Amino acid sequence: MAGAFRIPLFDLNYGKEEEEALLRVLRSRWISQGPETEAFEREFAQFTDSRYAIAVSNGTAALHLSYLLAGIGPGDEVIVPSFTFIATVTPLLWIGAKPVFADIDSLDNLNISRRTVEPLVTERTKAVVFVHFAGFTDGIEELKDFCSGVGCVLIEDASHAHGSRVKGKHAGTFGLLGAFSFFSNKNLAVGEGGMIITGSDEIYRKAKLLRSHGMTRLAWDKIRGGTSDYDVVELGFNYRMNELQAALGRVQLQKLETANRKRRELVRIYREALKDAVLIPFEDYENSANYIFPIILPSGIEREEAALFLHDKGIQTSHHYRPVHLMSLFRKTMGTGEGLLPITEEAGRRELTLPLYPGMREEDVHFVAESLREFIGR
């Protein structure tokens, strides 16, 4: 992917360490969920200062299980942002719950907030899902206090937030559960894979059952010794992580803090180079994982024209996101449409995501910024 562009949107932070980790697992002759996954769970829990971490097959699985573990069921209302990836929302439909879309706070803060959530709470509201957009945590503390006050469960979609913190507290640890994705463009990338973190003994026990068919003993348990008999005590899923994913995850976790520091330095340069040309959401990039670098183009600038201009210069861009409530599925099934979430819709028209990855050079950032300024100046 990186070779198709002079400056790609993202690139893997991989090296010999990942190759050696995969070879170690292959030579062990055990590639299904086992000791490597258990080690990754322990290390991720320690990194996030969580009591428990449960590895799963992907980030969508992490969200689906999180919703079930929080007790969300048919008919429950769950407040979610529309300015997010579709996987934040679709698992609620699988359960039979009703997504209630909240607007983002502003073009400066692309997260939902207490201000946008509070008017949507009803007697049927079971939970609020907070997405740490681009790795930013703005508003999570206030929303946590609000949810506690009204008796709603707070769940964090921390798929952008590997290493994001608020006053030293890691993203994903403010709510009952935090769900992470390890998709290939994430700060911690293994191709697919996900993690749930929680401080609840009961949720941890049940999560381990649900991710593997509700079975009381798994294949690796049998290898370790003891009885081979097992029971099925919950209606579960096949959401297991494999050992190859876990091995990659362990190496990526060791690199994460260094890689995030590089991201912060690149974001600092971007912000300085573009400060008077575009709106740059959020301010506290020092405590963010800086998963992506989103900007809001000036009003009147056509985003697709800007993207094509940059493409012709060898710069890959994207946009995060097309609002979920404007997608055909939700228009048809929920009757949503334009005008429901005005700030989200404005951001959906004007947001442009610029390249950002640890291997990016400072001169690359300047080239992107200068190219964008050239287009806007026209």
Protein backbone atom coordinates (compact mmCIF):
# COMPACT_ATOMS: atom_id res chain seq x y z
CA MET A 1 0.00 0.00 0.00
CA ALA A 2 2.76 2.45 0.95
CA GLY A 3 4.39 2.06 -2.47
CA ALA A 4 1.36 3.36 -4.37
CA PHE A 5 1.80 6.88 -2.97
CA ARG A 6 4.72 9.16 -2.27
CA ILE A 7 3.10 9.68 1.13
CA PRO A 8 0.47 7.06 2.09
CA LEU A 9 -2.28 7.65 4.61
CA PHE A 10 -0.66 5.16 6.98
CA ASP A 11 2.08 2.55 6.99
CA LEU A 12 2.84 -0.41 9.23
CA ASN A 13 5.39 0.04 11.98
CA TYR A 14 6.82 -3.45 11.42
CA GLY A 15 10.33 -4.85 11.45
CA LYS A 16 12.39 -7.92 12.29
CA GLU A 17 10.78 -8.17 15.73
CA GLU A 18 7.38 -9.02 14.21
CA GLU A 19 8.93 -11.60 11.88
CA GLU A 20 10.74 -13.28 14.78
CA ALA A 21 7.57 -13.33 16.89
CA LEU A 22 5.63 -15.07 14.12
CA LEU A 23 8.40 -17.61 13.59
CA ARG A 24 8.46 -18.34 17.33
CA VAL A 25 4.76 -19.19 17.27
CA LEU A 26 4.99 -21.26 14.09
CA ARG A 27 7.86 -23.27 15.55
CA SER A 28 5.86 -23.90 18.72
CA ARG A 29 3.32 -25.86 16.63
CA TRP A 30 0.43 -24.19 18.47
CA ILE A 31 -1.38 -21.39 16.61
CA SER A 32 -4.91 -21.38 18.10
CA GLN A 33 -5.67 -19.35 21.22
CA GLY A 34 -3.18 -20.30 23.88
CA PRO A 35 -0.19 -19.07 25.91
CA GLU A 36 0.74 -16.21 23.54
CA THR A 37 -2.78 -14.81 23.81
CA GLU A 38 -2.73 -15.12 27.59
CA ALA A 39 0.56 -13.22 27.72
CA PHE A 40 -0.80 -10.50 25.45
CA GLU A 41 -3.84 -10.12 27.70
CA ARG A 42 -1.67 -9.75 30.81
CA GLU A 43 0.59 -7.20 29.12
CA PHE A 44 -2.29 -5.16 27.71
CA ALA A 45 -4.03 -5.09 31.08
CA GLN A 46 -0.81 -3.85 32.67
CA PHE A 47 -0.32 -1.22 29.95
CA THR A 48 -3.83 0.19 30.42
CA ASP A 49 -3.76 -0.28 34.21
CA SER A 50 -6.82 -2.49 33.96
CA ARG A 51 -7.70 -5.44 36.14
CA TYR A 52 -8.64 -7.64 33.19
CA ALA A 53 -8.10 -7.78 29.43
CA ILE A 54 -9.89 -10.27 27.16
CA ALA A 55 -8.50 -10.76 23.65
CA VAL A 56 -10.96 -11.33 20.80
CA SER A 57 -10.89 -11.80 17.04
CA ASN A 58 -11.53 -8.18 16.00
CA GLY A 59 -12.73 -4.80 17.21
CA THR A 60 -16.32 -5.41 16.14
CA ALA A 61 -16.37 -8.57 18.26
CA ALA A 62 -15.03 -6.52 21.17
CA LEU A 63 -17.92 -4.08 20.83
CA HIS A 64 -20.55 -6.79 20.34
CA LEU A 65 -19.43 -8.66 23.45
CA SER A 66 -19.15 -5.41 25.40
CA TYR A 67 -22.78 -4.57 24.65
CA LEU A 68 -23.94 -8.04 25.68
CA LEU A 69 -21.78 -8.00 28.82
CA ALA A 70 -23.27 -4.64 29.79
CA GLY A 71 -26.71 -6.24 29.78
CA ILE A 72 -28.01 -4.45 26.68
CA GLY A 73 -30.97 -6.32 25.20
CA PRO A 74 -33.91 -6.03 22.82
CA GLY A 75 -35.73 -2.72 23.09
CA ASP A 76 -33.03 -0.95 25.08
CA GLU A 77 -31.96 2.47 23.85
CA VAL A 78 -28.24 3.13 23.54
CA ILE A 79 -26.90 6.62 22.82
CA VAL A 80 -24.08 6.57 20.27
CA PRO A 81 -22.30 9.04 18.00
CA SER A 82 -23.09 9.00 14.30
CA PHE A 83 -19.62 10.36 13.56
CA THR A 84 -17.92 6.98 13.87
CA PHE A 85 -17.17 3.77 12.01
CA ILE A 86 -20.22 1.61 11.37
CA ALA A 87 -19.01 -1.13 13.75
CA THR A 88 -19.83 1.07 16.75
CA VAL A 89 -23.51 0.84 15.81
CA THR A 90 -24.32 -2.39 13.95
CA PRO A 91 -23.78 -4.77 16.92
CA LEU A 92 -26.62 -2.96 18.68
CA LEU A 93 -28.91 -3.96 15.82
CA TRP A 94 -27.81 -7.59 16.11
CA ILE A 95 -28.91 -7.50 19.75
CA GLY A 96 -32.21 -5.81 18.97
CA ALA A 97 -31.34 -2.58 20.79
CA LYS A 98 -32.15 0.85 19.38
CA PRO A 99 -29.28 3.21 18.52
CA VAL A 100 -30.05 6.82 19.46
CA PHE A 101 -27.70 9.15 17.63
CA ALA A 102 -26.08 12.04 19.51
CA ASP A 103 -24.48 15.01 17.79
CA ILE A 104 -20.80 15.75 18.28
CA ASP A 105 -20.02 18.65 20.58
CA SER A 106 -18.54 21.04 17.99
CA LEU A 107 -16.15 21.25 15.05
CA ASP A 108 -13.43 21.77 17.65
CA ASN A 109 -14.42 18.65 19.63
CA LEU A 110 -15.56 15.79 17.39
CA ASN A 111 -16.70 13.67 20.37
CA ILE A 112 -20.18 13.47 21.82
CA SER A 113 -20.54 15.31 25.12
CA ARG A 114 -22.81 15.61 28.10
CA ARG A 115 -24.43 18.60 26.39
CA THR A 116 -25.41 16.55 23.33
CA VAL A 117 -26.28 13.36 25.24
CA GLU A 118 -28.40 14.70 28.11
CA PRO A 119 -31.50 15.67 26.04
CA LEU A 120 -31.65 12.15 24.56
CA VAL A 121 -31.89 10.20 27.83
CA THR A 122 -35.22 8.48 28.48
CA GLU A 123 -36.46 5.78 30.84
CA ARG A 124 -35.41 3.24 28.18
CA THR A 125 -31.80 4.45 27.94
CA LYS A 126 -29.54 1.59 28.97
CA ALA A 127 -26.10 2.85 27.95
CA VAL A 128 -24.01 5.58 26.35
CA VAL A 129 -21.15 4.68 23.99
CA PHE A 130 -18.28 7.18 23.92
CA VAL A 131 -15.95 6.98 20.91
CA HIS A 132 -12.51 8.51 21.48
CA PHE A 133 -12.41 10.07 18.01
CA ALA A 134 -8.86 10.13 16.56
CA GLY A 135 -7.61 9.14 20.03
CA PHE A 136 -8.94 12.21 21.85
CA THR A 137 -10.67 11.86 25.20
CA ASP A 138 -12.30 15.31 25.41
CA GLY A 139 -15.50 15.10 27.47
CA ILE A 140 -15.11 11.58 28.89
CA GLU A 141 -14.82 12.64 32.54
CA GLU A 142 -17.93 14.81 32.46
CA LEU A 143 -19.89 12.14 30.62
CA LYS A 144 -18.79 9.49 33.12
CA ASP A 145 -20.16 11.61 35.98
CA PHE A 146 -23.39 12.22 34.08
CA CYS A 147 -23.93 8.51 33.35
CA SER A 148 -23.33 7.66 36.98
CA GLY A 149 -25.90 10.26 38.01
CA VAL A 150 -28.67 9.01 35.73
CA GLY A 151 -27.93 5.30 36.07
CA CYS A 152 -26.70 4.65 32.50
CA VAL A 153 -23.89 2.27 31.67
CA LEU A 154 -20.87 3.97 30.05
CA ILE A 155 -19.07 1.92 27.39
CA GLU A 156 -15.96 3.18 25.61
CA ASP A 157 -15.15 2.48 22.00
CA ALA A 158 -11.42 3.01 22.36
CA SER A 159 -10.53 1.71 18.89
CA HIS A 160 -8.62 4.95 18.18
CA ALA A 161 -7.11 5.34 21.63
CA HIS A 162 -4.19 2.95 22.21
CA GLY A 163 -2.11 5.01 24.64
CA SER A 164 -4.53 7.93 25.10
CA ARG A 165 -4.79 9.16 28.69
CA VAL A 166 -6.62 11.68 30.85
CA LYS A 167 -4.59 12.77 33.89
CA GLY A 168 -2.69 9.48 33.65
CA LYS A 169 -5.83 7.34 33.37
CA HIS A 170 -5.97 5.27 30.17
CA ALA A 171 -8.83 5.52 27.69
CA GLY A 172 -11.15 2.56 28.09
CA THR A 173 -10.96 2.55 31.89
CA PHE A 174 -13.60 5.22 32.58
CA GLY A 175 -16.61 3.07 31.70
CA LEU A 176 -17.77 -0.39 32.67
CA LEU A 177 -15.95 -1.74 29.61
CA GLY A 178 -13.51 -0.47 27.01
CA ALA A 179 -13.27 -2.01 23.52
CA PHE A 180 -10.16 -1.79 21.31
CA SER A 181 -9.49 -2.69 17.68
CA PHE A 182 -6.16 -3.91 16.32
CA PHE A 183 -7.02 -3.47 12.63
CA SER A 184 -4.04 -2.92 10.37
CA ASN A 185 -4.21 0.88 10.32
CA LYS A 186 -4.42 1.24 14.11
CA ASN A 187 -1.59 2.42 16.36
CA LEU A 188 -1.32 -1.19 17.55
CA ALA A 189 -1.82 -3.19 14.37
CA VAL A 190 -2.11 -6.96 13.91
CA GLY A 191 -4.36 -7.07 10.82
CA GLU A 192 -7.44 -8.05 12.79
CA GLY A 193 -7.96 -8.54 16.51
CA GLY A 194 -9.46 -6.72 19.45
CA MET A 195 -9.44 -6.42 23.24
CA ILE A 196 -11.95 -5.74 25.99
CA ILE A 197 -10.78 -4.25 29.29
CA THR A 198 -12.77 -4.14 32.51
CA GLY A 199 -12.42 -4.09 36.27
CA SER A 200 -15.38 -6.43 36.86
CA ASP A 201 -14.77 -10.00 37.98
CA GLU A 202 -18.17 -11.13 36.72
CA ILE A 203 -17.77 -9.50 33.29
CA TYR A 204 -14.32 -11.07 32.92
CA ARG A 205 -15.66 -14.54 33.74
CA LYS A 206 -18.57 -14.22 31.34
CA ALA A 207 -16.50 -12.64 28.55
CA LYS A 208 -14.18 -15.63 28.45
CA LEU A 209 -17.19 -17.91 28.05
CA LEU A 210 -18.96 -15.84 25.40
CA ARG A 211 -15.91 -15.48 23.14
CA SER A 212 -15.61 -19.28 22.81
CA HIS A 213 -19.04 -20.88 22.39
CA GLY A 214 -19.87 -20.67 26.10
CA MET A 215 -17.50 -23.59 26.75
CA THR A 216 -16.01 -24.20 30.17
CA ARG A 217 -12.76 -25.70 28.80
CA LEU A 218 -10.84 -24.88 25.63
CA ALA A 219 -8.33 -26.82 23.55
CA TRP A 220 -5.35 -25.19 25.26
CA ASP A 221 -6.79 -26.06 28.69
CA LYS A 222 -6.80 -29.71 27.66
CA ILE A 223 -3.20 -29.54 26.46
CA ARG A 224 -2.14 -28.12 29.83
CA GLY A 225 -3.53 -31.18 31.54
CA GLY A 226 -6.54 -32.27 33.54
CA THR A 227 -9.87 -33.56 32.33
CA SER A 228 -10.88 -33.19 28.69
CA ASP A 229 -14.55 -32.98 29.60
CA TYR A 230 -16.35 -29.66 29.22
CA ASP A 231 -19.78 -28.11 29.37
CA VAL A 232 -21.52 -25.29 27.46
CA VAL A 233 -23.08 -22.88 29.95
CA GLU A 234 -23.74 -19.76 27.83
CA LEU A 235 -24.89 -19.04 24.28
CA GLY A 236 -21.52 -17.93 22.96
CA PHE A 237 -19.61 -17.09 19.79
CA ASN A 238 -16.36 -17.95 18.08
CA TYR A 239 -14.57 -14.68 18.83
CA ARG A 240 -11.17 -16.11 19.77
CA MET A 241 -7.85 -14.46 18.94
CA ASN A 242 -5.16 -16.72 17.48
CA GLU A 243 -1.54 -16.98 18.56
CA LEU A 244 -0.15 -15.24 15.48
CA GLN A 245 -2.28 -12.17 16.14
CA ALA A 246 -1.28 -12.20 19.80
CA ALA A 247 2.43 -12.50 18.98
CA LEU A 248 2.23 -9.48 16.67
CA GLY A 249 0.23 -7.61 19.31
CA ARG A 250 2.84 -8.20 21.99
CA VAL A 251 5.60 -6.75 19.80
CA GLN A 252 3.44 -3.83 18.73
CA LEU A 253 2.58 -3.10 22.36
CA GLN A 254 6.30 -2.86 23.19
CA LYS A 255 6.72 -0.30 20.39
CA LEU A 256 3.56 1.66 21.12
CA GLU A 257 4.78 4.42 23.43
CA THR A 258 7.76 5.24 21.22
CA ALA A 259 5.57 5.24 18.11
CA ASN A 260 2.99 7.47 19.79
CA ARG A 261 5.69 9.96 20.76
CA LYS A 262 6.69 10.17 17.09
CA ARG A 263 3.05 10.73 16.15
CA ARG A 264 2.81 13.59 18.66
CA GLU A 265 5.87 15.27 17.19
CA LEU A 266 4.47 14.99 13.66
CA VAL A 267 1.12 16.39 14.82
CA ARG A 268 2.92 19.32 16.44
CA ILE A 269 4.55 20.12 13.09
CA TYR A 270 1.26 19.72 11.23
CA ARG A 271 -0.55 22.04 13.64
CA GLU A 272 2.07 24.74 13.29
CA ALA A 273 2.18 24.46 9.50
CA LEU A 274 -1.61 24.58 9.05
CA LYS A 275 -2.75 26.70 11.99
CA ASP A 276 -4.01 29.63 9.90
CA ALA A 277 -5.22 27.60 6.91
CA VAL A 278 -7.70 25.05 8.32
CA LEU A 279 -9.55 24.26 11.53
CA ILE A 280 -7.70 21.62 13.54
CA PRO A 281 -10.04 19.90 16.02
CA PHE A 282 -9.00 19.25 19.62
CA GLU A 283 -6.09 20.81 21.46
CA ASP A 284 -4.58 18.30 23.88
CA TYR A 285 -2.69 16.22 21.34
CA GLU A 286 0.04 15.58 23.94
CA ASN A 287 -2.22 13.10 25.77
CA SER A 288 -3.80 11.60 22.66
CA ALA A 289 -2.73 8.50 20.75
CA ASN A 290 -3.16 10.64 17.59
CA TYR A 291 -4.51 7.71 15.58
CA ILE A 292 -5.33 9.99 12.66
CA PHE A 293 -4.82 13.66 11.85
CA PRO A 294 -8.25 15.13 11.02
CA ILE A 295 -8.72 18.67 9.77
CA ILE A 296 -11.84 20.69 8.95
CA LEU A 297 -11.54 22.43 5.59
CA PRO A 298 -12.66 26.04 5.27
CA SER A 299 -16.29 26.50 4.34
CA GLY A 300 -16.69 26.55 0.57
CA ILE A 301 -13.70 24.30 -0.14
CA GLU A 302 -14.74 21.11 -1.97
CA ARG A 303 -13.24 18.18 -0.09
CA GLU A 304 -13.18 15.81 -3.07
CA GLU A 305 -11.37 18.39 -5.16
CA ALA A 306 -8.82 18.84 -2.37
CA ALA A 307 -8.36 15.07 -2.10
CA LEU A 308 -7.84 14.74 -5.87
CA PHE A 309 -5.34 17.61 -5.88
CA LEU A 310 -3.33 15.93 -3.13
CA HIS A 311 -3.67 12.55 -4.84
CA ASP A 312 -2.07 13.98 -7.97
CA LYS A 313 0.89 15.01 -5.82
CA GLY A 314 1.22 11.46 -4.49
CA ILE A 315 -0.49 12.15 -1.14
CA GLN A 316 -3.15 9.73 0.05
CA THR A 317 -6.02 11.12 2.13
CA SER A 318 -9.32 9.88 3.50
CA HIS A 319 -12.26 11.18 5.50
CA HIS A 320 -13.49 10.00 8.89
CA TYR A 321 -16.42 9.57 8.71
CA ARG A 322 -19.51 9.58 6.61
CA PRO A 323 -22.15 9.96 9.35
CA VAL A 324 -23.81 6.64 10.14
CA HIS A 325 -27.30 8.14 10.27
CA LEU A 326 -26.98 9.21 6.63
CA MET A 327 -26.20 5.70 5.38
CA SER A 328 -28.89 3.89 3.42
CA LEU A 329 -29.38 1.13 6.00
CA PHE A 330 -30.36 3.61 8.71
CA ARG A 331 -32.38 5.84 6.40
CA LYS A 332 -34.48 2.79 5.47
CA THR A 333 -34.78 1.13 8.87
CA MET A 334 -34.83 4.13 11.21
CA GLY A 335 -35.99 7.00 9.02
CA THR A 336 -32.94 9.12 9.74
CA GLY A 337 -31.72 11.79 7.33
CA GLU A 338 -30.30 15.26 6.85
CA GLY A 339 -30.93 17.80 9.58
CA LEU A 340 -30.94 15.33 12.46
CA LEU A 341 -27.38 16.10 13.63
CA PRO A 342 -26.27 19.44 12.15
CA ILE A 343 -22.76 19.57 13.60
CA THR A 344 -22.03 15.95 12.69
CA GLU A 345 -23.28 16.56 9.17
CA GLU A 346 -21.13 19.68 8.81
CA ALA A 347 -18.08 17.75 9.99
CA GLY A 348 -19.00 14.91 7.63
CA ARG A 349 -18.85 17.34 4.68
CA ARG A 350 -15.68 19.19 5.65
CA GLU A 351 -13.40 16.72 7.48
CA LEU A 352 -10.27 15.54 5.65
CA THR A 353 -7.78 13.05 7.11
CA LEU A 354 -4.12 13.68 6.29
CA PRO A 355 -1.32 11.09 6.39
CA LEU A 356 0.08 10.17 9.81
CA TYR A 357 2.22 7.20 10.84
CA PRO A 358 5.40 6.71 12.92
CA GLY A 359 7.65 6.23 9.89
CA MET A 360 6.59 9.53 8.35
CA ARG A 361 9.36 12.11 8.03
CA GLU A 362 9.15 15.75 9.04
CA GLU A 363 9.74 16.80 5.44
CA ASP A 364 6.75 14.68 4.43
CA VAL A 365 4.54 16.62 6.84
CA HIS A 366 5.76 19.92 5.41
CA PHE A 367 5.13 18.69 1.86
CA VAL A 368 1.55 17.68 2.72
CA ALA A 369 0.91 20.98 4.50
CA GLU A 370 2.40 23.06 1.68
CA SER A 371 0.40 21.13 -0.93
CA LEU A 372 -2.83 21.64 0.97
CA ARG A 373 -2.13 25.32 1.45
CA GLU A 374 -1.45 25.60 -2.29
CA PHE A 375 -4.87 24.11 -3.07
CA ILE A 376 -6.70 26.32 -0.58
CA GLY A 377 -4.86 29.37 -1.89
CA ARG A 378 -6.22 28.70 -5.38
